[in-house]
Amino acid sequence: RLVEHWSTAYPAMRTILDTVIAAQRRAERPTVDLPRLENARRELGQ
């Protein structure tokens, strides 16, 4: 059941993280904790 939920949600989570991280890197003043999101993206992949 977990793998089924993961398989549905993981692509969306990865896309959300990629999009937000890319936007925040371009931003003059980031509005989120960028290192935390980069770490979350790396660890979700692991």
ModelCIF file with pLDDT and N, C-alpha, C, O atoms, coordinates in Angstrom:
data_MODEL
#
_entry.id   MODEL 
#
_entity.id                         1 
_entity.type                       polymer 
_entity.pdbx_number_of_molecules   1 
#
_entity_poly.entity_id                      1 
_entity_poly.type                           'polypeptide(L)' 
_entity_poly.nstd_linkage                   no 
_entity_poly.nstd_monomer                   no 
_entity_poly.pdbx_seq_one_letter_code       RLVEHWSTAYPAMRTILDTVIAAQRRAERPTVDLPRLENARRELGQ 
_entity_poly.pdbx_seq_one_letter_code_can   RLVEHWSTAYPAMRTILDTVIAAQRRAERPTVDLPRLENARRELGQ 
_entity_poly.pdbx_strand_id                 A 
#
loop_
_entity_poly_seq.entity_id 
_entity_poly_seq.num 
_entity_poly_seq.mon_id 
_entity_poly_seq.hetero 
1 1  ARG n 
1 2  LEU n 
1 3  VAL n 
1 4  GLU n 
1 5  HIS n 
1 6  TRP n 
1 7  SER n 
1 8  THR n 
1 9  ALA n 
1 10 TYR n 
1 11 PRO n 
1 12 ALA n 
1 13 MET n 
1 14 ARG n 
1 15 THR n 
1 16 ILE n 
1 17 LEU n 
1 18 ASP n 
1 19 THR n 
1 20 VAL n 
1 21 ILE n 
1 22 ALA n 
1 23 ALA n 
1 24 GLN n 
1 25 ARG n 
1 26 ARG n 
1 27 ALA n 
1 28 GLU n 
1 29 ARG n 
1 30 PRO n 
1 31 THR n 
1 32 VAL n 
1 33 ASP n 
1 34 LEU n 
1 35 PRO n 
1 36 ARG n 
1 37 LEU n 
1 38 GLU n 
1 39 ASN n 
1 40 ALA n 
1 41 ARG n 
1 42 ARG n 
1 43 GLU n 
1 44 LEU n 
1 45 GLY n 
1 46 GLN n 
#
_struct_asym.id          A 
_struct_asym.entity_id   1 
#
loop_
_ma_qa_metric.id 
_ma_qa_metric.mode 
_ma_qa_metric.name 
_ma_qa_metric.software_group_id 
_ma_qa_metric.type 
1 global pLDDT . pLDDT 
2 local  pLDDT . pLDDT 
#
_ma_qa_metric_global.metric_id      1 
_ma_qa_metric_global.metric_value   96.04 
_ma_qa_metric_global.model_id       1 
_ma_qa_metric_global.ordinal_id     1 
#
loop_
_ma_qa_metric_local.label_asym_id 
_ma_qa_metric_local.label_comp_id 
_ma_qa_metric_local.label_seq_id 
_ma_qa_metric_local.metric_id 
_ma_qa_metric_local.metric_value 
_ma_qa_metric_local.model_id 
_ma_qa_metric_local.ordinal_id 
A ARG 1  2 97.00 1 1  
A LEU 2  2 97.00 1 2  
A VAL 3  2 97.00 1 3  
A GLU 4  2 97.00 1 4  
A HIS 5  2 97.00 1 5  
A TRP 6  2 97.00 1 6  
A SER 7  2 96.00 1 7  
A THR 8  2 97.00 1 8  
A ALA 9  2 97.00 1 9  
A TYR 10 2 97.00 1 10 
A PRO 11 2 96.00 1 11 
A ALA 12 2 96.00 1 12 
A MET 13 2 97.00 1 13 
A ARG 14 2 97.00 1 14 
A THR 15 2 96.00 1 15 
A ILE 16 2 97.00 1 16 
A LEU 17 2 97.00 1 17 
A ASP 18 2 96.00 1 18 
A THR 19 2 96.00 1 19 
A VAL 20 2 97.00 1 20 
A ILE 21 2 97.00 1 21 
A ALA 22 2 97.00 1 22 
A ALA 23 2 96.00 1 23 
A GLN 24 2 96.00 1 24 
A ARG 25 2 96.00 1 25 
A ARG 26 2 96.00 1 26 
A ALA 27 2 95.00 1 27 
A GLU 28 2 94.00 1 28 
A ARG 29 2 93.00 1 29 
A PRO 30 2 91.00 1 30 
A THR 31 2 94.00 1 31 
A VAL 32 2 94.00 1 32 
A ASP 33 2 95.00 1 33 
A LEU 34 2 96.00 1 34 
A PRO 35 2 96.00 1 35 
A ARG 36 2 96.00 1 36 
A LEU 37 2 97.00 1 37 
A GLU 38 2 97.00 1 38 
A ASN 39 2 96.00 1 39 
A ALA 40 2 97.00 1 40 
A ARG 41 2 97.00 1 41 
A ARG 42 2 96.00 1 42 
A GLU 43 2 96.00 1 43 
A LEU 44 2 96.00 1 44 
A GLY 45 2 95.00 1 45 
A GLN 46 2 95.00 1 46 
#
loop_
_atom_site.group_PDB 
_atom_site.id 
_atom_site.type_symbol 
_atom_site.label_atom_id 
_atom_site.label_alt_id 
_atom_site.label_comp_id 
_atom_site.label_asym_id 
_atom_site.label_entity_id 
_atom_site.label_seq_id 
_atom_site.pdbx_PDB_ins_code 
_atom_site.Cartn_x 
_atom_site.Cartn_y 
_atom_site.Cartn_z 
_atom_site.occupancy 
_atom_site.B_iso_or_equiv 
_atom_site.pdbx_formal_charge 
_atom_site.auth_seq_id 
_atom_site.auth_comp_id 
_atom_site.auth_asym_id 
_atom_site.auth_atom_id 
_atom_site.pdbx_PDB_model_num 
ATOM 1   N N  . ARG A 1 1  ? 0.836  -1.205 0.000  1.00 97.00 ? 1  ARG A N  1 
ATOM 2   C CA . ARG A 1 1  ? 0.000  0.000  0.000  1.00 97.00 ? 1  ARG A CA 1 
ATOM 3   C C  . ARG A 1 1  ? 0.873  1.257  0.000  1.00 97.00 ? 1  ARG A C  1 
ATOM 4   O O  . ARG A 1 1  ? 0.590  2.222  -0.711 1.00 97.00 ? 1  ARG A O  1 
ATOM 5   N N  . LEU A 1 2  ? 1.926  1.232  0.800  1.00 97.00 ? 2  LEU A N  1 
ATOM 6   C CA . LEU A 1 2  ? 2.837  2.377  0.853  1.00 97.00 ? 2  LEU A CA 1 
ATOM 7   C C  . LEU A 1 2  ? 3.501  2.616  -0.498 1.00 97.00 ? 2  LEU A C  1 
ATOM 8   O O  . LEU A 1 2  ? 3.587  3.754  -0.960 1.00 97.00 ? 2  LEU A O  1 
ATOM 9   N N  . VAL A 1 3  ? 3.967  1.552  -1.124 1.00 97.00 ? 3  VAL A N  1 
ATOM 10  C CA . VAL A 1 3  ? 4.630  1.688  -2.429 1.00 97.00 ? 3  VAL A CA 1 
ATOM 11  C C  . VAL A 1 3  ? 3.647  2.245  -3.467 1.00 97.00 ? 3  VAL A C  1 
ATOM 12  O O  . VAL A 1 3  ? 4.036  3.026  -4.335 1.00 97.00 ? 3  VAL A O  1 
ATOM 13  N N  . GLU A 1 4  ? 2.394  1.847  -3.375 1.00 97.00 ? 4  GLU A N  1 
ATOM 14  C CA . GLU A 1 4  ? 1.376  2.382  -4.295 1.00 97.00 ? 4  GLU A CA 1 
ATOM 15  C C  . GLU A 1 4  ? 1.212  3.896  -4.083 1.00 97.00 ? 4  GLU A C  1 
ATOM 16  O O  . GLU A 1 4  ? 1.185  4.659  -5.048 1.00 97.00 ? 4  GLU A O  1 
ATOM 17  N N  . HIS A 1 5  ? 1.103  4.324  -2.824 1.00 97.00 ? 5  HIS A N  1 
ATOM 18  C CA . HIS A 1 5  ? 0.993  5.756  -2.533 1.00 97.00 ? 5  HIS A CA 1 
ATOM 19  C C  . HIS A 1 5  ? 2.256  6.489  -2.969 1.00 97.00 ? 5  HIS A C  1 
ATOM 20  O O  . HIS A 1 5  ? 2.178  7.572  -3.550 1.00 97.00 ? 5  HIS A O  1 
ATOM 21  N N  . TRP A 1 6  ? 3.411  5.907  -2.693 1.00 97.00 ? 6  TRP A N  1 
ATOM 22  C CA . TRP A 1 6  ? 4.689  6.528  -3.045 1.00 97.00 ? 6  TRP A CA 1 
ATOM 23  C C  . TRP A 1 6  ? 4.793  6.704  -4.564 1.00 97.00 ? 6  TRP A C  1 
ATOM 24  O O  . TRP A 1 6  ? 5.188  7.765  -5.048 1.00 97.00 ? 6  TRP A O  1 
ATOM 25  N N  . SER A 1 7  ? 4.438  5.660  -5.303 1.00 96.00 ? 7  SER A N  1 
ATOM 26  C CA . SER A 1 7  ? 4.545  5.709  -6.762 1.00 96.00 ? 7  SER A CA 1 
ATOM 27  C C  . SER A 1 7  ? 3.658  6.788  -7.362 1.00 96.00 ? 7  SER A C  1 
ATOM 28  O O  . SER A 1 7  ? 3.981  7.345  -8.411 1.00 96.00 ? 7  SER A O  1 
ATOM 29  N N  . THR A 1 8  ? 2.554  7.084  -6.712 1.00 97.00 ? 8  THR A N  1 
ATOM 30  C CA . THR A 1 8  ? 1.651  8.134  -7.176 1.00 97.00 ? 8  THR A CA 1 
ATOM 31  C C  . THR A 1 8  ? 2.180  9.522  -6.804 1.00 97.00 ? 8  THR A C  1 
ATOM 32  O O  . THR A 1 8  ? 2.118  10.450 -7.610 1.00 97.00 ? 8  THR A O  1 
ATOM 33  N N  . ALA A 1 9  ? 2.695  9.658  -5.594 1.00 97.00 ? 9  ALA A N  1 
ATOM 34  C CA . ALA A 1 9  ? 3.081  10.976 -5.083 1.00 97.00 ? 9  ALA A CA 1 
ATOM 35  C C  . ALA A 1 9  ? 4.509  11.395 -5.421 1.00 97.00 ? 9  ALA A C  1 
ATOM 36  O O  . ALA A 1 9  ? 4.765  12.588 -5.587 1.00 97.00 ? 9  ALA A O  1 
ATOM 37  N N  . TYR A 1 10 ? 5.438  10.459 -5.528 1.00 97.00 ? 10 TYR A N  1 
ATOM 38  C CA . TYR A 1 10 ? 6.850  10.831 -5.689 1.00 97.00 ? 10 TYR A CA 1 
ATOM 39  C C  . TYR A 1 10 ? 7.127  11.716 -6.903 1.00 97.00 ? 10 TYR A C  1 
ATOM 40  O O  . TYR A 1 10 ? 7.814  12.728 -6.760 1.00 97.00 ? 10 TYR A O  1 
ATOM 41  N N  . PRO A 1 11 ? 6.619  11.378 -8.094 1.00 96.00 ? 11 PRO A N  1 
ATOM 42  C CA . PRO A 1 11 ? 6.902  12.264 -9.239 1.00 96.00 ? 11 PRO A CA 1 
ATOM 43  C C  . PRO A 1 11 ? 6.424  13.700 -9.000 1.00 96.00 ? 11 PRO A C  1 
ATOM 44  O O  . PRO A 1 11 ? 7.108  14.652 -9.376 1.00 96.00 ? 11 PRO A O  1 
ATOM 45  N N  . ALA A 1 12 ? 5.263  13.857 -8.382 1.00 96.00 ? 12 ALA A N  1 
ATOM 46  C CA . ALA A 1 12 ? 4.739  15.201 -8.100 1.00 96.00 ? 12 ALA A CA 1 
ATOM 47  C C  . ALA A 1 12 ? 5.613  15.905 -7.068 1.00 96.00 ? 12 ALA A C  1 
ATOM 48  O O  . ALA A 1 12 ? 5.921  17.087 -7.222 1.00 96.00 ? 12 ALA A O  1 
ATOM 49  N N  . MET A 1 13 ? 6.016  15.189 -6.016 1.00 97.00 ? 13 MET A N  1 
ATOM 50  C CA . MET A 1 13 ? 6.864  15.810 -4.986 1.00 97.00 ? 13 MET A CA 1 
ATOM 51  C C  . MET A 1 13 ? 8.185  16.255 -5.585 1.00 97.00 ? 13 MET A C  1 
ATOM 52  O O  . MET A 1 13 ? 8.666  17.348 -5.283 1.00 97.00 ? 13 MET A O  1 
ATOM 53  N N  . ARG A 1 14 ? 8.774  15.427 -6.424 1.00 97.00 ? 14 ARG A N  1 
ATOM 54  C CA . ARG A 1 14 ? 10.054 15.762 -7.042 1.00 97.00 ? 14 ARG A CA 1 
ATOM 55  C C  . ARG A 1 14 ? 9.903  16.980 -7.966 1.00 97.00 ? 14 ARG A C  1 
ATOM 56  O O  . ARG A 1 14 ? 10.760 17.863 -7.976 1.00 97.00 ? 14 ARG A O  1 
ATOM 57  N N  . THR A 1 15 ? 8.824  17.021 -8.729 1.00 96.00 ? 15 THR A N  1 
ATOM 58  C CA . THR A 1 15 ? 8.579  18.154 -9.620 1.00 96.00 ? 15 THR A CA 1 
ATOM 59  C C  . THR A 1 15 ? 8.357  19.442 -8.824 1.00 96.00 ? 15 THR A C  1 
ATOM 60  O O  . THR A 1 15 ? 8.874  20.496 -9.192 1.00 96.00 ? 15 THR A O  1 
ATOM 61  N N  . ILE A 1 16 ? 7.599  19.358 -7.748 1.00 97.00 ? 16 ILE A N  1 
ATOM 62  C CA . ILE A 1 16 ? 7.359  20.532 -6.893 1.00 97.00 ? 16 ILE A CA 1 
ATOM 63  C C  . ILE A 1 16 ? 8.685  21.035 -6.334 1.00 97.00 ? 16 ILE A C  1 
ATOM 64  O O  . ILE A 1 16 ? 8.973  22.230 -6.396 1.00 97.00 ? 16 ILE A O  1 
ATOM 65  N N  . LEU A 1 17 ? 9.484  20.134 -5.793 1.00 97.00 ? 17 LEU A N  1 
ATOM 66  C CA . LEU A 1 17 ? 10.779 20.537 -5.229 1.00 97.00 ? 17 LEU A CA 1 
ATOM 67  C C  . LEU A 1 17 ? 11.678 21.135 -6.301 1.00 97.00 ? 17 LEU A C  1 
ATOM 68  O O  . LEU A 1 17 ? 12.287 22.181 -6.081 1.00 97.00 ? 17 LEU A O  1 
ATOM 69  N N  . ASP A 1 18 ? 11.771 20.484 -7.463 1.00 96.00 ? 18 ASP A N  1 
ATOM 70  C CA . ASP A 1 18 ? 12.610 21.008 -8.547 1.00 96.00 ? 18 ASP A CA 1 
ATOM 71  C C  . ASP A 1 18 ? 12.172 22.417 -8.954 1.00 96.00 ? 18 ASP A C  1 
ATOM 72  O O  . ASP A 1 18 ? 13.004 23.304 -9.142 1.00 96.00 ? 18 ASP A O  1 
ATOM 73  N N  . THR A 1 19 ? 10.868 22.610 -9.086 1.00 96.00 ? 19 THR A N  1 
ATOM 74  C CA . THR A 1 19 ? 10.328 23.900 -9.513 1.00 96.00 ? 19 THR A CA 1 
ATOM 75  C C  . THR A 1 19 ? 10.592 24.995 -8.480 1.00 96.00 ? 19 THR A C  1 
ATOM 76  O O  . THR A 1 19 ? 11.047 26.084 -8.828 1.00 96.00 ? 19 THR A O  1 
ATOM 77  N N  . VAL A 1 20 ? 10.307 24.707 -7.222 1.00 97.00 ? 20 VAL A N  1 
ATOM 78  C CA . VAL A 1 20 ? 10.496 25.702 -6.163 1.00 97.00 ? 20 VAL A CA 1 
ATOM 79  C C  . VAL A 1 20 ? 11.977 26.016 -5.983 1.00 97.00 ? 20 VAL A C  1 
ATOM 80  O O  . VAL A 1 20 ? 12.345 27.182 -5.837 1.00 97.00 ? 20 VAL A O  1 
ATOM 81  N N  . ILE A 1 21 ? 12.822 25.006 -5.991 1.00 97.00 ? 21 ILE A N  1 
ATOM 82  C CA . ILE A 1 21 ? 14.261 25.234 -5.823 1.00 97.00 ? 21 ILE A CA 1 
ATOM 83  C C  . ILE A 1 21 ? 14.802 26.080 -6.961 1.00 97.00 ? 21 ILE A C  1 
ATOM 84  O O  . ILE A 1 21 ? 15.562 27.018 -6.721 1.00 97.00 ? 21 ILE A O  1 
ATOM 85  N N  . ALA A 1 22 ? 14.428 25.768 -8.197 1.00 97.00 ? 22 ALA A N  1 
ATOM 86  C CA . ALA A 1 22 ? 14.897 26.548 -9.345 1.00 97.00 ? 22 ALA A CA 1 
ATOM 87  C C  . ALA A 1 22 ? 14.427 28.005 -9.242 1.00 97.00 ? 22 ALA A C  1 
ATOM 88  O O  . ALA A 1 22 ? 15.200 28.929 -9.494 1.00 97.00 ? 22 ALA A O  1 
ATOM 89  N N  . ALA A 1 23 ? 13.166 28.199 -8.873 1.00 96.00 ? 23 ALA A N  1 
ATOM 90  C CA . ALA A 1 23 ? 12.632 29.565 -8.748 1.00 96.00 ? 23 ALA A CA 1 
ATOM 91  C C  . ALA A 1 23 ? 13.326 30.324 -7.623 1.00 96.00 ? 23 ALA A C  1 
ATOM 92  O O  . ALA A 1 23 ? 13.642 31.504 -7.772 1.00 96.00 ? 23 ALA A O  1 
ATOM 93  N N  . GLN A 1 24 ? 13.562 29.660 -6.513 1.00 96.00 ? 24 GLN A N  1 
ATOM 94  C CA . GLN A 1 24 ? 14.196 30.328 -5.369 1.00 96.00 ? 24 GLN A CA 1 
ATOM 95  C C  . GLN A 1 24 ? 15.662 30.649 -5.644 1.00 96.00 ? 24 GLN A C  1 
ATOM 96  O O  . GLN A 1 24 ? 16.182 31.639 -5.129 1.00 96.00 ? 24 GLN A O  1 
ATOM 97  N N  . ARG A 1 25 ? 16.327 29.838 -6.438 1.00 96.00 ? 25 ARG A N  1 
ATOM 98  C CA . ARG A 1 25 ? 17.720 30.135 -6.813 1.00 96.00 ? 25 ARG A CA 1 
ATOM 99  C C  . ARG A 1 25 ? 17.792 31.395 -7.671 1.00 96.00 ? 25 ARG A C  1 
ATOM 100 O O  . ARG A 1 25 ? 18.771 32.139 -7.598 1.00 96.00 ? 25 ARG A O  1 
ATOM 101 N N  . ARG A 1 26 ? 16.769 31.638 -8.480 1.00 96.00 ? 26 ARG A N  1 
ATOM 102 C CA . ARG A 1 26 ? 16.734 32.828 -9.333 1.00 96.00 ? 26 ARG A CA 1 
ATOM 103 C C  . ARG A 1 26 ? 16.249 34.069 -8.590 1.00 96.00 ? 26 ARG A C  1 
ATOM 104 O O  . ARG A 1 26 ? 16.474 35.195 -9.035 1.00 96.00 ? 26 ARG A O  1 
ATOM 105 N N  . ALA A 1 27 ? 15.596 33.861 -7.478 1.00 95.00 ? 27 ALA A N  1 
ATOM 106 C CA . ALA A 1 27 ? 15.001 34.982 -6.744 1.00 95.00 ? 27 ALA A CA 1 
ATOM 107 C C  . ALA A 1 27 ? 16.077 35.843 -6.093 1.00 95.00 ? 27 ALA A C  1 
ATOM 108 O O  . ALA A 1 27 ? 17.104 35.349 -5.628 1.00 95.00 ? 27 ALA A O  1 
ATOM 109 N N  . GLU A 1 28 ? 15.810 37.139 -6.077 1.00 94.00 ? 28 GLU A N  1 
ATOM 110 C CA . GLU A 1 28 ? 16.723 38.060 -5.420 1.00 94.00 ? 28 GLU A CA 1 
ATOM 111 C C  . GLU A 1 28 ? 16.759 37.792 -3.919 1.00 94.00 ? 28 GLU A C  1 
ATOM 112 O O  . GLU A 1 28 ? 17.820 37.794 -3.295 1.00 94.00 ? 28 GLU A O  1 
ATOM 113 N N  . ARG A 1 29 ? 15.578 37.562 -3.357 1.00 93.00 ? 29 ARG A N  1 
ATOM 114 C CA . ARG A 1 29 ? 15.457 37.246 -1.931 1.00 93.00 ? 29 ARG A CA 1 
ATOM 115 C C  . ARG A 1 29 ? 14.624 35.986 -1.784 1.00 93.00 ? 29 ARG A C  1 
ATOM 116 O O  . ARG A 1 29 ? 13.398 36.055 -1.862 1.00 93.00 ? 29 ARG A O  1 
ATOM 117 N N  . PRO A 1 30 ? 15.254 34.833 -1.573 1.00 91.00 ? 30 PRO A N  1 
ATOM 118 C CA . PRO A 1 30 ? 14.490 33.595 -1.415 1.00 91.00 ? 30 PRO A CA 1 
ATOM 119 C C  . PRO A 1 30 ? 13.501 33.699 -0.256 1.00 91.00 ? 30 PRO A C  1 
ATOM 120 O O  . PRO A 1 30 ? 13.783 34.318 0.770  1.00 91.00 ? 30 PRO A O  1 
ATOM 121 N N  . THR A 1 31 ? 12.351 33.088 -0.443 1.00 94.00 ? 31 THR A N  1 
ATOM 122 C CA . THR A 1 31 ? 11.306 33.139 0.586  1.00 94.00 ? 31 THR A CA 1 
ATOM 123 C C  . THR A 1 31 ? 11.173 31.823 1.344  1.00 94.00 ? 31 THR A C  1 
ATOM 124 O O  . THR A 1 31 ? 10.314 31.694 2.217  1.00 94.00 ? 31 THR A O  1 
ATOM 125 N N  . VAL A 1 32 ? 12.014 30.850 1.020  1.00 94.00 ? 32 VAL A N  1 
ATOM 126 C CA . VAL A 1 32 ? 12.005 29.567 1.714  1.00 94.00 ? 32 VAL A CA 1 
ATOM 127 C C  . VAL A 1 32 ? 13.426 29.218 2.132  1.00 94.00 ? 32 VAL A C  1 
ATOM 128 O O  . VAL A 1 32 ? 14.391 29.830 1.675  1.00 94.00 ? 32 VAL A O  1 
ATOM 129 N N  . ASP A 1 33 ? 13.537 28.236 2.999  1.00 95.00 ? 33 ASP A N  1 
ATOM 130 C CA . ASP A 1 33 ? 14.843 27.746 3.430  1.00 95.00 ? 33 ASP A CA 1 
ATOM 131 C C  . ASP A 1 33 ? 15.377 26.829 2.323  1.00 95.00 ? 33 ASP A C  1 
ATOM 132 O O  . ASP A 1 33 ? 15.098 25.631 2.311  1.00 95.00 ? 33 ASP A O  1 
ATOM 133 N N  . LEU A 1 34 ? 16.137 27.401 1.409  1.00 96.00 ? 34 LEU A N  1 
ATOM 134 C CA . LEU A 1 34 ? 16.612 26.681 0.233  1.00 96.00 ? 34 LEU A CA 1 
ATOM 135 C C  . LEU A 1 34 ? 17.472 25.467 0.585  1.00 96.00 ? 34 LEU A C  1 
ATOM 136 O O  . LEU A 1 34 ? 17.256 24.402 0.007  1.00 96.00 ? 34 LEU A O  1 
ATOM 137 N N  . PRO A 1 35 ? 18.436 25.572 1.503  1.00 96.00 ? 35 PRO A N  1 
ATOM 138 C CA . PRO A 1 35 ? 19.221 24.377 1.846  1.00 96.00 ? 35 PRO A CA 1 
ATOM 139 C C  . PRO A 1 35 ? 18.354 23.231 2.398  1.00 96.00 ? 35 PRO A C  1 
ATOM 140 O O  . PRO A 1 35 ? 18.635 22.061 2.140  1.00 96.00 ? 35 PRO A O  1 
ATOM 141 N N  . ARG A 1 36 ? 17.320 23.564 3.143  1.00 96.00 ? 36 ARG A N  1 
ATOM 142 C CA . ARG A 1 36 ? 16.425 22.532 3.679  1.00 96.00 ? 36 ARG A CA 1 
ATOM 143 C C  . ARG A 1 36 ? 15.702 21.812 2.541  1.00 96.00 ? 36 ARG A C  1 
ATOM 144 O O  . ARG A 1 36 ? 15.575 20.587 2.560  1.00 96.00 ? 36 ARG A O  1 
ATOM 145 N N  . LEU A 1 37 ? 15.225 22.574 1.545  1.00 97.00 ? 37 LEU A N  1 
ATOM 146 C CA . LEU A 1 37 ? 14.534 21.952 0.411  1.00 97.00 ? 37 LEU A CA 1 
ATOM 147 C C  . LEU A 1 37 ? 15.484 21.126 -0.444 1.00 97.00 ? 37 LEU A C  1 
ATOM 148 O O  . LEU A 1 37 ? 15.110 20.058 -0.929 1.00 97.00 ? 37 LEU A O  1 
ATOM 149 N N  . GLU A 1 38 ? 16.703 21.605 -0.632 1.00 97.00 ? 38 GLU A N  1 
ATOM 150 C CA . GLU A 1 38 ? 17.686 20.830 -1.398 1.00 97.00 ? 38 GLU A CA 1 
ATOM 151 C C  . GLU A 1 38 ? 18.011 19.523 -0.679 1.00 97.00 ? 38 GLU A C  1 
ATOM 152 O O  . GLU A 1 38 ? 18.157 18.476 -1.309 1.00 97.00 ? 38 GLU A O  1 
ATOM 153 N N  . ASN A 1 39 ? 18.122 19.595 0.643  1.00 96.00 ? 39 ASN A N  1 
ATOM 154 C CA . ASN A 1 39 ? 18.369 18.404 1.442  1.00 96.00 ? 39 ASN A CA 1 
ATOM 155 C C  . ASN A 1 39 ? 17.172 17.444 1.354  1.00 96.00 ? 39 ASN A C  1 
ATOM 156 O O  . ASN A 1 39 ? 17.351 16.234 1.217  1.00 96.00 ? 39 ASN A O  1 
ATOM 157 N N  . ALA A 1 40 ? 15.971 17.986 1.432  1.00 97.00 ? 40 ALA A N  1 
ATOM 158 C CA . ALA A 1 40 ? 14.769 17.148 1.332  1.00 97.00 ? 40 ALA A CA 1 
ATOM 159 C C  . ALA A 1 40 ? 14.716 16.450 -0.022 1.00 97.00 ? 40 ALA A C  1 
ATOM 160 O O  . ALA A 1 40 ? 14.383 15.267 -0.096 1.00 97.00 ? 40 ALA A O  1 
ATOM 161 N N  . ARG A 1 41 ? 15.039 17.163 -1.082 1.00 97.00 ? 41 ARG A N  1 
ATOM 162 C CA . ARG A 1 41 ? 15.028 16.563 -2.418 1.00 97.00 ? 41 ARG A CA 1 
ATOM 163 C C  . ARG A 1 41 ? 16.050 15.432 -2.516 1.00 97.00 ? 41 ARG A C  1 
ATOM 164 O O  . ARG A 1 41 ? 15.752 14.366 -3.055 1.00 97.00 ? 41 ARG A O  1 
ATOM 165 N N  . ARG A 1 42 ? 17.255 15.666 -1.994 1.00 96.00 ? 42 ARG A N  1 
ATOM 166 C CA . ARG A 1 42 ? 18.301 14.650 -2.029 1.00 96.00 ? 42 ARG A CA 1 
ATOM 167 C C  . ARG A 1 42 ? 17.886 13.411 -1.216 1.00 96.00 ? 42 ARG A C  1 
ATOM 168 O O  . ARG A 1 42 ? 18.028 12.279 -1.680 1.00 96.00 ? 42 ARG A O  1 
ATOM 169 N N  . GLU A 1 43 ? 17.379 13.640 -0.011 1.00 96.00 ? 43 GLU A N  1 
ATOM 170 C CA . GLU A 1 43 ? 17.015 12.517 0.847  1.00 96.00 ? 43 GLU A CA 1 
ATOM 171 C C  . GLU A 1 43 ? 15.779 11.768 0.341  1.00 96.00 ? 43 GLU A C  1 
ATOM 172 O O  . GLU A 1 43 ? 15.695 10.550 0.499  1.00 96.00 ? 43 GLU A O  1 
ATOM 173 N N  . LEU A 1 44 ? 14.820 12.476 -0.264 1.00 96.00 ? 44 LEU A N  1 
ATOM 174 C CA . LEU A 1 44 ? 13.678 11.778 -0.869 1.00 96.00 ? 44 LEU A CA 1 
ATOM 175 C C  . LEU A 1 44 ? 14.164 10.844 -1.978 1.00 96.00 ? 44 LEU A C  1 
ATOM 176 O O  . LEU A 1 44 ? 13.658 9.731  -2.129 1.00 96.00 ? 44 LEU A O  1 
ATOM 177 N N  . GLY A 1 45 ? 15.138 11.301 -2.745 1.00 95.00 ? 45 GLY A N  1 
ATOM 178 C CA . GLY A 1 45 ? 15.719 10.443 -3.781 1.00 95.00 ? 45 GLY A CA 1 
ATOM 179 C C  . GLY A 1 45 ? 16.379 9.217  -3.181 1.00 95.00 ? 45 GLY A C  1 
ATOM 180 O O  . GLY A 1 45 ? 16.267 8.118  -3.724 1.00 95.00 ? 45 GLY A O  1 
ATOM 181 N N  . GLN A 1 46 ? 17.071 9.401  -2.057 1.00 95.00 ? 46 GLN A N  1 
ATOM 182 C CA . GLN A 1 46 ? 17.706 8.270  -1.388 1.00 95.00 ? 46 GLN A CA 1 
ATOM 183 C C  . GLN A 1 46 ? 16.656 7.291  -0.866 1.00 95.00 ? 46 GLN A C  1 
ATOM 184 O O  . GLN A 1 46 ? 17.004 6.271  -0.271 1.00 95.00 ? 46 GLN A O  1 
#
